[in-house]
Amino acid sequence: MREKVTLFFRRLLDVTPACLMLMTQGNLAAITLAHWEKALGTGSMAGAVLVLLSFYQQKQWLHNQYVIAALTGLAAGLVDGISHPANFKGEAIMTGIAAAGLCLLFSVAFKRLETSTNSK
């Protein structure tokens, strides 16, 4: 169960900032509570999709950073395209790409943090 909760929150942390930044087209001053609500909703739904997939797929993909990044990007793009209207053409696709990139970046950072913590 802990693995499922961790999977959900890590995907939430990957998708929400990607969605938020692309929704406002990088303009941090334009971020409103409504933007946060949509971005958190998109991140939550994408996280839920990955948790559901984890019940049906073999566990090997949960530990492969490239596979999980691709699945996160795919889920983020699909959920973003379905959940709210786009502010510009291709927003959902770009959200998926950005979420996959953040997922990969965070997985490398988490691995380095775990490695440095375990070596002390």
PDB file of N, CA and C in Angstrom:
ATOM      1  N   MET A   1       0.816  -1.191   0.000  1.00  0.00           N
ATOM      2  CA  MET A   1       0.000   0.000   0.000  1.00  0.00           C
ATOM      3  C   MET A   1       0.868   1.266   0.000  1.00  0.00           C
ATOM      4  N   ARG A   2       1.963   1.215   0.746  1.00  0.00           N
ATOM      5  CA  ARG A   2       2.863   2.371   0.810  1.00  0.00           C
ATOM      6  C   ARG A   2       3.423   2.705  -0.581  1.00  0.00           C
ATOM      7  N   GLU A   3       3.718   1.650  -1.347  1.00  0.00           N
ATOM      8  CA  GLU A   3       4.242   1.857  -2.698  1.00  0.00           C
ATOM      9  C   GLU A   3       3.217   2.575  -3.582  1.00  0.00           C
ATOM     10  N   LYS A   4       1.943   2.268  -3.420  1.00  0.00           N
ATOM     11  CA  LYS A   4       0.871   2.896  -4.206  1.00  0.00           C
ATOM     12  C   LYS A   4       0.719   4.374  -3.833  1.00  0.00           C
ATOM     13  N   VAL A   5       0.795   4.659  -2.538  1.00  0.00           N
ATOM     14  CA  VAL A   5       0.689   6.051  -2.081  1.00  0.00           C
ATOM     15  C   VAL A   5       1.880   6.862  -2.582  1.00  0.00           C
ATOM     16  N   THR A   6       3.063   6.289  -2.492  1.00  0.00           N
ATOM     17  CA  THR A   6       4.266   6.956  -2.998  1.00  0.00           C
ATOM     18  C   THR A   6       4.154   7.190  -4.501  1.00  0.00           C
ATOM     19  N   LEU A   7       3.694   6.194  -5.232  1.00  0.00           N
ATOM     20  CA  LEU A   7       3.513   6.324  -6.679  1.00  0.00           C
ATOM     21  C   LEU A   7       2.556   7.470  -6.989  1.00  0.00           C
ATOM     22  N   PHE A   8       1.436   7.535  -6.277  1.00  0.00           N
ATOM     23  CA  PHE A   8       0.451   8.590  -6.506  1.00  0.00           C
ATOM     24  C   PHE A   8       1.054   9.972  -6.271  1.00  0.00           C
ATOM     25  N   PHE A   9       1.696  10.171  -5.129  1.00  0.00           N
ATOM     26  CA  PHE A   9       2.206  11.500  -4.799  1.00  0.00           C
ATOM     27  C   PHE A   9       3.388  11.910  -5.673  1.00  0.00           C
ATOM     28  N   ARG A  10       4.201  10.970  -6.080  1.00  0.00           N
ATOM     29  CA  ARG A  10       5.294  11.328  -7.002  1.00  0.00           C
ATOM     30  C   ARG A  10       4.741  11.762  -8.356  1.00  0.00           C
ATOM     31  N   ARG A  11       3.707  11.079  -8.829  1.00  0.00           N
ATOM     32  CA  ARG A  11       3.105  11.487 -10.107  1.00  0.00           C
ATOM     33  C   ARG A  11       2.382  12.822  -9.960  1.00  0.00           C
ATOM     34  N   LEU A  12       1.778  13.054  -8.820  1.00  0.00           N
ATOM     35  CA  LEU A  12       1.149  14.345  -8.545  1.00  0.00           C
ATOM     36  C   LEU A  12       2.196  15.456  -8.604  1.00  0.00           C
ATOM     37  N   LEU A  13       3.376  15.193  -8.044  1.00  0.00           N
ATOM     38  CA  LEU A  13       4.451  16.178  -8.056  1.00  0.00           C
ATOM     39  C   LEU A  13       5.073  16.369  -9.438  1.00  0.00           C
ATOM     40  N   ASP A  14       4.936  15.395 -10.308  1.00  0.00           N
ATOM     41  CA  ASP A  14       5.450  15.522 -11.677  1.00  0.00           C
ATOM     42  C   ASP A  14       4.478  16.295 -12.558  1.00  0.00           C
ATOM     43  N   VAL A  15       3.216  15.958 -12.462  1.00  0.00           N
ATOM     44  CA  VAL A  15       2.207  16.462 -13.398  1.00  0.00           C
ATOM     45  C   VAL A  15       1.713  17.857 -13.029  1.00  0.00           C
ATOM     46  N   THR A  16       1.498  18.120 -11.750  1.00  0.00           N
ATOM     47  CA  THR A  16       0.917  19.405 -11.339  1.00  0.00           C
ATOM     48  C   THR A  16       1.743  20.611 -11.786  1.00  0.00           C
ATOM     49  N   PRO A  17       3.054  20.663 -11.521  1.00  0.00           N
ATOM     50  CA  PRO A  17       3.804  21.834 -11.982  1.00  0.00           C
ATOM     51  C   PRO A  17       3.864  21.950 -13.503  1.00  0.00           C
ATOM     52  N   ALA A  18       3.931  20.809 -14.189  1.00  0.00           N
ATOM     53  CA  ALA A  18       3.957  20.849 -15.652  1.00  0.00           C
ATOM     54  C   ALA A  18       2.669  21.454 -16.183  1.00  0.00           C
ATOM     55  N   CYS A  19       1.547  20.996 -15.655  1.00  0.00           N
ATOM     56  CA  CYS A  19       0.246  21.504 -16.075  1.00  0.00           C
ATOM     57  C   CYS A  19       0.103  22.987 -15.725  1.00  0.00           C
ATOM     58  N   LEU A  20       0.503  23.346 -14.533  1.00  0.00           N
ATOM     59  CA  LEU A  20       0.387  24.726 -14.069  1.00  0.00           C
ATOM     60  C   LEU A  20       1.199  25.688 -14.933  1.00  0.00           C
ATOM     61  N   MET A  21       2.432  25.317 -15.225  1.00  0.00           N
ATOM     62  CA  MET A  21       3.294  26.190 -16.024  1.00  0.00           C
ATOM     63  C   MET A  21       2.797  26.333 -17.465  1.00  0.00           C
ATOM     64  N   LEU A  22       2.319  25.237 -18.027  1.00  0.00           N
ATOM     65  CA  LEU A  22       1.856  25.304 -19.406  1.00  0.00           C
ATOM     66  C   LEU A  22       0.500  25.994 -19.529  1.00  0.00           C
ATOM     67  N   MET A  23      -0.327  25.847 -18.522  1.00  0.00           N
ATOM     68  CA  MET A  23      -1.630  26.506 -18.539  1.00  0.00           C
ATOM     69  C   MET A  23      -1.459  28.026 -18.558  1.00  0.00           C
ATOM     70  N   THR A  24      -0.468  28.520 -17.822  1.00  0.00           N
ATOM     71  CA  THR A  24      -0.225  29.966 -17.767  1.00  0.00           C
ATOM     72  C   THR A  24       0.878  30.385 -18.739  1.00  0.00           C
ATOM     73  N   GLN A  25       1.336  29.452 -19.531  1.00  0.00           N
ATOM     74  CA  GLN A  25       2.394  29.672 -20.518  1.00  0.00           C
ATOM     75  C   GLN A  25       3.646  30.276 -19.881  1.00  0.00           C
ATOM     76  N   GLY A  26       3.955  29.786 -18.678  1.00  0.00           N
ATOM     77  CA  GLY A  26       5.166  30.198 -17.982  1.00  0.00           C
ATOM     78  C   GLY A  26       5.060  31.508 -17.225  1.00  0.00           C
ATOM     79  N   ASN A  27       3.927  32.171 -17.269  1.00  0.00           N
ATOM     80  CA  ASN A  27       3.746  33.447 -16.585  1.00  0.00           C
ATOM     81  C   ASN A  27       3.329  33.191 -15.141  1.00  0.00           C
ATOM     82  N   LEU A  28       4.297  33.223 -14.238  1.00  0.00           N
ATOM     83  CA  LEU A  28       4.021  32.927 -12.832  1.00  0.00           C
ATOM     84  C   LEU A  28       3.064  33.937 -12.206  1.00  0.00           C
ATOM     85  N   ALA A  29       3.060  35.162 -12.687  1.00  0.00           N
ATOM     86  CA  ALA A  29       2.161  36.196 -12.155  1.00  0.00           C
ATOM     87  C   ALA A  29       0.705  35.918 -12.508  1.00  0.00           C
ATOM     88  N   ALA A  30       0.472  35.114 -13.537  1.00  0.00           N
ATOM     89  CA  ALA A  30      -0.901  34.838 -13.979  1.00  0.00           C
ATOM     90  C   ALA A  30      -1.545  33.673 -13.236  1.00  0.00           C
ATOM     91  N   ILE A  31      -0.786  32.996 -12.379  1.00  0.00           N
ATOM     92  CA  ILE A  31      -1.318  31.820 -11.680  1.00  0.00           C
ATOM     93  C   ILE A  31      -2.382  32.254 -10.667  1.00  0.00           C
ATOM     94  N   THR A  32      -3.548  31.636 -10.784  1.00  0.00           N
ATOM     95  CA  THR A  32      -4.658  31.917  -9.876  1.00  0.00           C
ATOM     96  C   THR A  32      -5.039  30.637  -9.136  1.00  0.00           C
ATOM     97  N   LEU A  33      -5.960  30.789  -8.216  1.00  0.00           N
ATOM     98  CA  LEU A  33      -6.463  29.634  -7.486  1.00  0.00           C
ATOM     99  C   LEU A  33      -7.140  28.651  -8.444  1.00  0.00           C
ATOM    100  N   ALA A  34      -7.811  29.163  -9.461  1.00  0.00           N
ATOM    101  CA  ALA A  34      -8.451  28.300 -10.465  1.00  0.00           C
ATOM    102  C   ALA A  34      -7.411  27.485 -11.228  1.00  0.00           C
ATOM    103  N   HIS A  35      -6.254  28.092 -11.530  1.00  0.00           N
ATOM    104  CA  HIS A  35      -5.181  27.359 -12.196  1.00  0.00           C
ATOM    105  C   HIS A  35      -4.681  26.232 -11.298  1.00  0.00           C
ATOM    106  N   TRP A  36      -4.488  26.547 -10.011  1.00  0.00           N
ATOM    107  CA  TRP A  36      -4.037  25.526  -9.069  1.00  0.00           C
ATOM    108  C   TRP A  36      -5.031  24.380  -8.986  1.00  0.00           C
ATOM    109  N   GLU A  37      -6.312  24.730  -8.952  1.00  0.00           N
ATOM    110  CA  GLU A  37      -7.352  23.707  -8.865  1.00  0.00           C
ATOM    111  C   GLU A  37      -7.315  22.767 -10.067  1.00  0.00           C
ATOM    112  N   LYS A  38      -7.202  23.343 -11.263  1.00  0.00           N
ATOM    113  CA  LYS A  38      -7.146  22.513 -12.481  1.00  0.00           C
ATOM    114  C   LYS A  38      -5.875  21.668 -12.512  1.00  0.00           C
ATOM    115  N   ALA A  39      -4.743  22.275 -12.151  1.00  0.00           N
ATOM    116  CA  ALA A  39      -3.468  21.561 -12.196  1.00  0.00           C
ATOM    117  C   ALA A  39      -3.433  20.427 -11.164  1.00  0.00           C
ATOM    118  N   LEU A  40      -3.929  20.694  -9.964  1.00  0.00           N
ATOM    119  CA  LEU A  40      -3.977  19.638  -8.952  1.00  0.00           C
ATOM    120  C   LEU A  40      -4.952  18.532  -9.336  1.00  0.00           C
ATOM    121  N   GLY A  41      -6.049  18.908  -9.975  1.00  0.00           N
ATOM    122  CA  GLY A  41      -7.001  17.904 -10.464  1.00  0.00           C
ATOM    123  C   GLY A  41      -6.377  17.027 -11.532  1.00  0.00           C
ATOM    124  N   THR A  42      -5.662  17.654 -12.459  1.00  0.00           N
ATOM    125  CA  THR A  42      -4.988  16.907 -13.516  1.00  0.00           C
ATOM    126  C   THR A  42      -3.918  15.990 -12.928  1.00  0.00           C
ATOM    127  N   GLY A  43      -3.129  16.517 -11.993  1.00  0.00           N
ATOM    128  CA  GLY A  43      -2.091  15.714 -11.346  1.00  0.00           C
ATOM    129  C   GLY A  43      -2.670  14.550 -10.568  1.00  0.00           C
ATOM    130  N   SER A  44      -3.778  14.801  -9.878  1.00  0.00           N
ATOM    131  CA  SER A  44      -4.429  13.741  -9.101  1.00  0.00           C
ATOM    132  C   SER A  44      -4.978  12.642 -10.002  1.00  0.00           C
ATOM    133  N   MET A  45      -5.611  13.048 -11.091  1.00  0.00           N
ATOM    134  CA  MET A  45      -6.164  12.047 -12.014  1.00  0.00           C
ATOM    135  C   MET A  45      -5.060  11.239 -12.678  1.00  0.00           C
ATOM    136  N   ALA A  46      -3.973  11.897 -13.074  1.00  0.00           N
ATOM    137  CA  ALA A  46      -2.859  11.172 -13.689  1.00  0.00           C
ATOM    138  C   ALA A  46      -2.223  10.217 -12.674  1.00  0.00           C
ATOM    139  N   GLY A  47      -2.089  10.666 -11.428  1.00  0.00           N
ATOM    140  CA  GLY A  47      -1.570   9.793 -10.374  1.00  0.00           C
ATOM    141  C   GLY A  47      -2.464   8.586 -10.156  1.00  0.00           C
ATOM    142  N   ALA A  48      -3.773   8.818 -10.181  1.00  0.00           N
ATOM    143  CA  ALA A  48      -4.727   7.715 -10.012  1.00  0.00           C
ATOM    144  C   ALA A  48      -4.626   6.719 -11.165  1.00  0.00           C
ATOM    145  N   VAL A  49      -4.431   7.227 -12.381  1.00  0.00           N
ATOM    146  CA  VAL A  49      -4.283   6.339 -13.543  1.00  0.00           C
ATOM    147  C   VAL A  49      -3.066   5.439 -13.359  1.00  0.00           C
ATOM    148  N   LEU A  50      -1.955   6.004 -12.904  1.00  0.00           N
ATOM    149  CA  LEU A  50      -0.745   5.204 -12.712  1.00  0.00           C
ATOM    150  C   LEU A  50      -0.917   4.199 -11.584  1.00  0.00           C
ATOM    151  N   VAL A  51      -1.617   4.585 -10.523  1.00  0.00           N
ATOM    152  CA  VAL A  51      -1.875   3.635  -9.434  1.00  0.00           C
ATOM    153  C   VAL A  51      -2.744   2.492  -9.943  1.00  0.00           C
ATOM    154  N   LEU A  52      -3.778   2.803 -10.713  1.00  0.00           N
ATOM    155  CA  LEU A  52      -4.620   1.743 -11.287  1.00  0.00           C
ATOM    156  C   LEU A  52      -3.818   0.821 -12.186  1.00  0.00           C
ATOM    157  N   LEU A  53      -2.943   1.392 -13.004  1.00  0.00           N
ATOM    158  CA  LEU A  53      -2.090   0.565 -13.865  1.00  0.00           C
ATOM    159  C   LEU A  53      -1.188  -0.344 -13.045  1.00  0.00           C
ATOM    160  N   SER A  54      -0.763   0.130 -11.887  1.00  0.00           N
ATOM    161  CA  SER A  54       0.153  -0.666 -11.069  1.00  0.00           C
ATOM    162  C   SER A  54      -0.509  -1.937 -10.529  1.00  0.00           C
ATOM    163  N   PHE A  55      -1.825  -1.986 -10.493  1.00  0.00           N
ATOM    164  CA  PHE A  55      -2.514  -3.204 -10.064  1.00  0.00           C
ATOM    165  C   PHE A  55      -2.553  -4.253 -11.177  1.00  0.00           C
ATOM    166  N   TYR A  56      -2.436  -3.816 -12.425  1.00  0.00           N
ATOM    167  CA  TYR A  56      -2.580  -4.717 -13.558  1.00  0.00           C
ATOM    168  C   TYR A  56      -1.273  -5.050 -14.255  1.00  0.00           C
ATOM    169  N   GLN A  57      -0.267  -4.238 -14.065  1.00  0.00           N
ATOM    170  CA  GLN A  57       1.005  -4.455 -14.734  1.00  0.00           C
ATOM    171  C   GLN A  57       1.991  -5.130 -13.782  1.00  0.00           C
ATOM    172  N   GLN A  58       3.011  -5.715 -14.378  1.00  0.00           N
ATOM    173  CA  GLN A  58       4.063  -6.308 -13.553  1.00  0.00           C
ATOM    174  C   GLN A  58       4.822  -5.190 -12.846  1.00  0.00           C
ATOM    175  N   LYS A  59       5.374  -5.508 -11.699  1.00  0.00           N
ATOM    176  CA  LYS A  59       6.032  -4.491 -10.886  1.00  0.00           C
ATOM    177  C   LYS A  59       7.355  -3.999 -11.471  1.00  0.00           C
ATOM    178  N   GLN A  60       7.885  -4.696 -12.478  1.00  0.00           N
ATOM    179  CA  GLN A  60       9.176  -4.286 -13.018  1.00  0.00           C
ATOM    180  C   GLN A  60       9.129  -2.859 -13.580  1.00  0.00           C
ATOM    181  N   TRP A  61       8.012  -2.480 -14.193  1.00  0.00           N
ATOM    182  CA  TRP A  61       7.952  -1.145 -14.776  1.00  0.00           C
ATOM    183  C   TRP A  61       7.914  -0.060 -13.720  1.00  0.00           C
ATOM    184  N   LEU A  62       7.482  -0.377 -12.505  1.00  0.00           N
ATOM    185  CA  LEU A  62       7.467   0.630 -11.444  1.00  0.00           C
ATOM    186  C   LEU A  62       8.870   1.083 -11.071  1.00  0.00           C
ATOM    187  N   HIS A  63       9.857   0.254 -11.333  1.00  0.00           N
ATOM    188  CA  HIS A  63      11.223   0.565 -10.951  1.00  0.00           C
ATOM    189  C   HIS A  63      12.097   0.960 -12.144  1.00  0.00           C
ATOM    190  N   ASN A  64      11.510   1.087 -13.307  1.00  0.00           N
ATOM    191  CA  ASN A  64      12.244   1.540 -14.488  1.00  0.00           C
ATOM    192  C   ASN A  64      11.895   3.009 -14.718  1.00  0.00           C
ATOM    193  N   GLN A  65      12.865   3.883 -14.516  1.00  0.00           N
ATOM    194  CA  GLN A  65      12.597   5.320 -14.578  1.00  0.00           C
ATOM    195  C   GLN A  65      12.137   5.790 -15.952  1.00  0.00           C
ATOM    196  N   TYR A  66      12.570   5.142 -17.005  1.00  0.00           N
ATOM    197  CA  TYR A  66      12.168   5.566 -18.349  1.00  0.00           C
ATOM    198  C   TYR A  66      10.737   5.144 -18.668  1.00  0.00           C
ATOM    199  N   VAL A  67      10.372   3.950 -18.255  1.00  0.00           N
ATOM    200  CA  VAL A  67       9.014   3.467 -18.479  1.00  0.00           C
ATOM    201  C   VAL A  67       8.023   4.286 -17.671  1.00  0.00           C
ATOM    202  N   ILE A  68       8.338   4.539 -16.412  1.00  0.00           N
ATOM    203  CA  ILE A  68       7.435   5.305 -15.561  1.00  0.00           C
ATOM    204  C   ILE A  68       7.318   6.746 -16.060  1.00  0.00           C
ATOM    205  N   ALA A  69       8.398   7.309 -16.584  1.00  0.00           N
ATOM    206  CA  ALA A  69       8.345   8.665 -17.148  1.00  0.00           C
ATOM    207  C   ALA A  69       7.450   8.687 -18.390  1.00  0.00           C
ATOM    208  N   ALA A  70       7.579   7.682 -19.239  1.00  0.00           N
ATOM    209  CA  ALA A  70       6.741   7.615 -20.441  1.00  0.00           C
ATOM    210  C   ALA A  70       5.270   7.437 -20.070  1.00  0.00           C
ATOM    211  N   LEU A  71       4.986   6.559 -19.113  1.00  0.00           N
ATOM    212  CA  LEU A  71       3.606   6.354 -18.681  1.00  0.00           C
ATOM    213  C   LEU A  71       3.037   7.602 -18.008  1.00  0.00           C
ATOM    214  N   THR A  72       3.874   8.295 -17.236  1.00  0.00           N
ATOM    215  CA  THR A  72       3.434   9.541 -16.590  1.00  0.00           C
ATOM    216  C   THR A  72       3.112  10.588 -17.641  1.00  0.00           C
ATOM    217  N   GLY A  73       3.961  10.725 -18.636  1.00  0.00           N
ATOM    218  CA  GLY A  73       3.716  11.688 -19.712  1.00  0.00           C
ATOM    219  C   GLY A  73       2.459  11.367 -20.493  1.00  0.00           C
ATOM    220  N   LEU A  74       2.264  10.096 -20.785  1.00  0.00           N
ATOM    221  CA  LEU A  74       1.077   9.671 -21.512  1.00  0.00           C
ATOM    222  C   LEU A  74      -0.186   9.939 -20.690  1.00  0.00           C
ATOM    223  N   ALA A  75      -0.156   9.569 -19.416  1.00  0.00           N
ATOM    224  CA  ALA A  75      -1.318   9.797 -18.545  1.00  0.00           C
ATOM    225  C   ALA A  75      -1.584  11.293 -18.397  1.00  0.00           C
ATOM    226  N   ALA A  76      -0.539  12.078 -18.213  1.00  0.00           N
ATOM    227  CA  ALA A  76      -0.702  13.525 -18.046  1.00  0.00           C
ATOM    228  C   ALA A  76      -1.298  14.159 -19.297  1.00  0.00           C
ATOM    229  N   GLY A  77      -0.804  13.774 -20.461  1.00  0.00           N
ATOM    230  CA  GLY A  77      -1.326  14.322 -21.707  1.00  0.00           C
ATOM    231  C   GLY A  77      -2.789  13.966 -21.928  1.00  0.00           C
ATOM    232  N   LEU A  78      -3.121  12.715 -21.679  1.00  0.00           N
ATOM    233  CA  LEU A  78      -4.510  12.277 -21.861  1.00  0.00           C
ATOM    234  C   LEU A  78      -5.451  12.956 -20.871  1.00  0.00           C
ATOM    235  N   VAL A  79      -5.066  12.968 -19.608  1.00  0.00           N
ATOM    236  CA  VAL A  79      -5.918  13.578 -18.581  1.00  0.00           C
ATOM    237  C   VAL A  79      -6.047  15.083 -18.826  1.00  0.00           C
ATOM    238  N   ASP A  80      -4.959  15.733 -19.181  1.00  0.00           N
ATOM    239  CA  ASP A  80      -5.002  17.176 -19.433  1.00  0.00           C
ATOM    240  C   ASP A  80      -5.911  17.496 -20.615  1.00  0.00           C
ATOM    241  N   GLY A  81      -5.832  16.690 -21.642  1.00  0.00           N
ATOM    242  CA  GLY A  81      -6.680  16.913 -22.811  1.00  0.00           C
ATOM    243  C   GLY A  81      -8.157  16.698 -22.529  1.00  0.00           C
ATOM    244  N   ILE A  82      -8.453  15.799 -21.615  1.00  0.00           N
ATOM    245  CA  ILE A  82      -9.845  15.481 -21.283  1.00  0.00           C
ATOM    246  C   ILE A  82     -10.404  16.411 -20.206  1.00  0.00           C
ATOM    247  N   SER A  83      -9.586  16.787 -19.233  1.00  0.00           N
ATOM    248  CA  SER A  83     -10.088  17.449 -18.031  1.00  0.00           C
ATOM    249  C   SER A  83     -10.473  18.912 -18.205  1.00  0.00           C
ATOM    250  N   HIS A  84      -9.779  19.636 -19.072  1.00  0.00           N
ATOM    251  CA  HIS A  84     -10.129  21.043 -19.251  1.00  0.00           C
ATOM    252  C   HIS A  84      -9.729  21.522 -20.642  1.00  0.00           C
ATOM    253  N   PRO A  85     -10.393  22.579 -21.125  1.00  0.00           N
ATOM    254  CA  PRO A  85     -10.064  23.094 -22.458  1.00  0.00           C
ATOM    255  C   PRO A  85      -8.654  23.685 -22.487  1.00  0.00           C
ATOM    256  N   ALA A  86      -8.010  23.530 -23.609  1.00  0.00           N
ATOM    257  CA  ALA A  86      -6.641  24.014 -23.765  1.00  0.00           C
ATOM    258  C   ALA A  86      -6.605  25.526 -23.943  1.00  0.00           C
ATOM    259  N   ASN A  87      -5.550  26.132 -23.412  1.00  0.00           N
ATOM    260  CA  ASN A  87      -5.334  27.564 -23.603  1.00  0.00           C
ATOM    261  C   ASN A  87      -4.624  27.838 -24.924  1.00  0.00           C
ATOM    262  N   PHE A  88      -3.940  26.834 -25.451  1.00  0.00           N
ATOM    263  CA  PHE A  88      -3.297  26.947 -26.754  1.00  0.00           C
ATOM    264  C   PHE A  88      -3.235  25.564 -27.375  1.00  0.00           C
ATOM    265  N   LYS A  89      -3.101  25.510 -28.684  1.00  0.00           N
ATOM    266  CA  LYS A  89      -3.088  24.235 -29.394  1.00  0.00           C
ATOM    267  C   LYS A  89      -1.864  23.418 -28.979  1.00  0.00           C
ATOM    268  N   GLY A  90      -2.101  22.168 -28.641  1.00  0.00           N
ATOM    269  CA  GLY A  90      -1.014  21.281 -28.249  1.00  0.00           C
ATOM    270  C   GLY A  90      -0.651  21.347 -26.774  1.00  0.00           C
ATOM    271  N   GLU A  91      -1.472  22.032 -25.982  1.00  0.00           N
ATOM    272  CA  GLU A  91      -1.163  22.162 -24.549  1.00  0.00           C
ATOM    273  C   GLU A  91      -1.083  20.806 -23.861  1.00  0.00           C
ATOM    274  N   ALA A  92      -2.017  19.922 -24.151  1.00  0.00           N
ATOM    275  CA  ALA A  92      -2.031  18.601 -23.504  1.00  0.00           C
ATOM    276  C   ALA A  92      -0.783  17.803 -23.869  1.00  0.00           C
ATOM    277  N   ILE A  93      -0.372  17.871 -25.117  1.00  0.00           N
ATOM    278  CA  ILE A  93       0.835  17.154 -25.553  1.00  0.00           C
ATOM    279  C   ILE A  93       2.066  17.713 -24.842  1.00  0.00           C
ATOM    280  N   MET A  94       2.151  19.032 -24.781  1.00  0.00           N
ATOM    281  CA  MET A  94       3.286  19.662 -24.109  1.00  0.00           C
ATOM    282  C   MET A  94       3.285  19.359 -22.612  1.00  0.00           C
ATOM    283  N   THR A  95       2.096  19.302 -22.013  1.00  0.00           N
ATOM    284  CA  THR A  95       1.998  18.945 -20.592  1.00  0.00           C
ATOM    285  C   THR A  95       2.536  17.535 -20.377  1.00  0.00           C
ATOM    286  N   GLY A  96       2.174  16.618 -21.250  1.00  0.00           N
ATOM    287  CA  GLY A  96       2.675  15.248 -21.152  1.00  0.00           C
ATOM    288  C   GLY A  96       4.181  15.175 -21.275  1.00  0.00           C
ATOM    289  N   ILE A  97       4.725  15.906 -22.217  1.00  0.00           N
ATOM    290  CA  ILE A  97       6.182  15.916 -22.407  1.00  0.00           C
ATOM    291  C   ILE A  97       6.880  16.521 -21.187  1.00  0.00           C
ATOM    292  N   ALA A  98       6.339  17.636 -20.701  1.00  0.00           N
ATOM    293  CA  ALA A  98       6.938  18.287 -19.529  1.00  0.00           C
ATOM    294  C   ALA A  98       6.832  17.398 -18.294  1.00  0.00           C
ATOM    295  N   ALA A  99       5.696  16.729 -18.115  1.00  0.00           N
ATOM    296  CA  ALA A  99       5.520  15.835 -16.965  1.00  0.00           C
ATOM    297  C   ALA A  99       6.489  14.660 -17.045  1.00  0.00           C
ATOM    298  N   ALA A 100       6.683  14.114 -18.236  1.00  0.00           N
ATOM    299  CA  ALA A 100       7.639  13.012 -18.410  1.00  0.00           C
ATOM    300  C   ALA A 100       9.053  13.486 -18.081  1.00  0.00           C
ATOM    301  N   GLY A 101       9.395  14.678 -18.535  1.00  0.00           N
ATOM    302  CA  GLY A 101      10.713  15.246 -18.236  1.00  0.00           C
ATOM    303  C   GLY A 101      10.919  15.472 -16.747  1.00  0.00           C
ATOM    304  N   LEU A 102       9.912  16.027 -16.083  1.00  0.00           N
ATOM    305  CA  LEU A 102      10.009  16.234 -14.639  1.00  0.00           C
ATOM    306  C   LEU A 102      10.104  14.905 -13.900  1.00  0.00           C
ATOM    307  N   CYS A 103       9.355  13.929 -14.357  1.00  0.00           N
ATOM    308  CA  CYS A 103       9.394  12.604 -13.740  1.00  0.00           C
ATOM    309  C   CYS A 103      10.809  12.027 -13.823  1.00  0.00           C
ATOM    310  N   LEU A 104      11.416  12.138 -14.969  1.00  0.00           N
ATOM    311  CA  LEU A 104      12.773  11.634 -15.161  1.00  0.00           C
ATOM    312  C   LEU A 104      13.769  12.419 -14.307  1.00  0.00           C
ATOM    313  N   LEU A 105      13.631  13.720 -14.299  1.00  0.00           N
ATOM    314  CA  LEU A 105      14.513  14.576 -13.504  1.00  0.00           C
ATOM    315  C   LEU A 105      14.392  14.269 -12.018  1.00  0.00           C
ATOM    316  N   PHE A 106      13.158  14.153 -11.526  1.00  0.00           N
ATOM    317  CA  PHE A 106      12.951  13.854 -10.113  1.00  0.00           C
ATOM    318  C   PHE A 106      13.434  12.461  -9.753  1.00  0.00           C
ATOM    319  N   SER A 107      13.274  11.483 -10.648  1.00  0.00           N
ATOM    320  CA  SER A 107      13.730  10.130 -10.324  1.00  0.00           C
ATOM    321  C   SER A 107      15.247  10.089 -10.196  1.00  0.00           C
ATOM    322  N   VAL A 108      15.950  10.840 -11.029  1.00  0.00           N
ATOM    323  CA  VAL A 108      17.408  10.922 -10.912  1.00  0.00           C
ATOM    324  C   VAL A 108      17.789  11.606  -9.599  1.00  0.00           C
ATOM    325  N   ALA A 109      17.076  12.681  -9.256  1.00  0.00           N
ATOM    326  CA  ALA A 109      17.362  13.406  -8.011  1.00  0.00           C
ATOM    327  C   ALA A 109      17.084  12.529  -6.794  1.00  0.00           C
ATOM    328  N   PHE A 110      15.964  11.788  -6.805  1.00  0.00           N
ATOM    329  CA  PHE A 110      15.643  10.904  -5.685  1.00  0.00           C
ATOM    330  C   PHE A 110      16.677   9.799  -5.548  1.00  0.00           C
ATOM    331  N   LYS A 111      17.139   9.257  -6.675  1.00  0.00           N
ATOM    332  CA  LYS A 111      18.158   8.204  -6.619  1.00  0.00           C
ATOM    333  C   LYS A 111      19.453   8.732  -6.013  1.00  0.00           C
ATOM    334  N   ARG A 112      19.844   9.920  -6.435  1.00  0.00           N
ATOM    335  CA  ARG A 112      21.079  10.520  -5.883  1.00  0.00           C
ATOM    336  C   ARG A 112      20.932  10.796  -4.404  1.00  0.00           C
ATOM    337  N   LEU A 113      19.762  11.261  -4.009  1.00  0.00           N
ATOM    338  CA  LEU A 113      19.513  11.541  -2.595  1.00  0.00           C
ATOM    339  C   LEU A 113      19.543  10.246  -1.780  1.00  0.00           C
ATOM    340  N   GLU A 114      18.932   9.196  -2.287  1.00  0.00           N
ATOM    341  CA  GLU A 114      18.954   7.900  -1.595  1.00  0.00           C
ATOM    342  C   GLU A 114      20.352   7.338  -1.515  1.00  0.00           C
ATOM    343  N   THR A 115      21.117   7.475  -2.602  1.00  0.00           N
ATOM    344  CA  THR A 115      22.492   6.973  -2.629  1.00  0.00           C
ATOM    345  C   THR A 115      23.362   7.713  -1.630  1.00  0.00           C
ATOM    346  N   SER A 116      23.222   9.039  -1.588  1.00  0.00           N
ATOM    347  CA  SER A 116      24.053   9.810  -0.648  1.00  0.00           C
ATOM    348  C   SER A 116      23.629   9.565   0.793  1.00  0.00           C
ATOM    349  N   THR A 117      22.358   9.323   1.043  1.00  0.00           N
ATOM    350  CA  THR A 117      21.874   9.039   2.393  1.00  0.00           C
ATOM    351  C   THR A 117      22.339   7.658   2.852  1.00  0.00           C
ATOM    352  N   ASN A 118      22.292   6.665   1.951  1.00  0.00           N
ATOM    353  CA  ASN A 118      22.698   5.302   2.302  1.00  0.00           C
ATOM    354  C   ASN A 118      24.199   5.171   2.483  1.00  0.00           C
ATOM    355  N   SER A 119      24.994   6.009   1.825  1.00  0.00           N
ATOM    356  CA  SER A 119      26.447   5.888   1.902  1.00  0.00           C
ATOM    357  C   SER A 119      27.015   6.535   3.155  1.00  0.00           C
ATOM    358  N   LYS A 120      26.202   7.300   3.873  1.00  0.00           N
ATOM    359  CA  LYS A 120      26.708   7.980   5.091  1.00  0.00           C
ATOM    360  C   LYS A 120      26.641   7.080   6.285  1.00  0.00           C
TER     361      LYS A 120
END
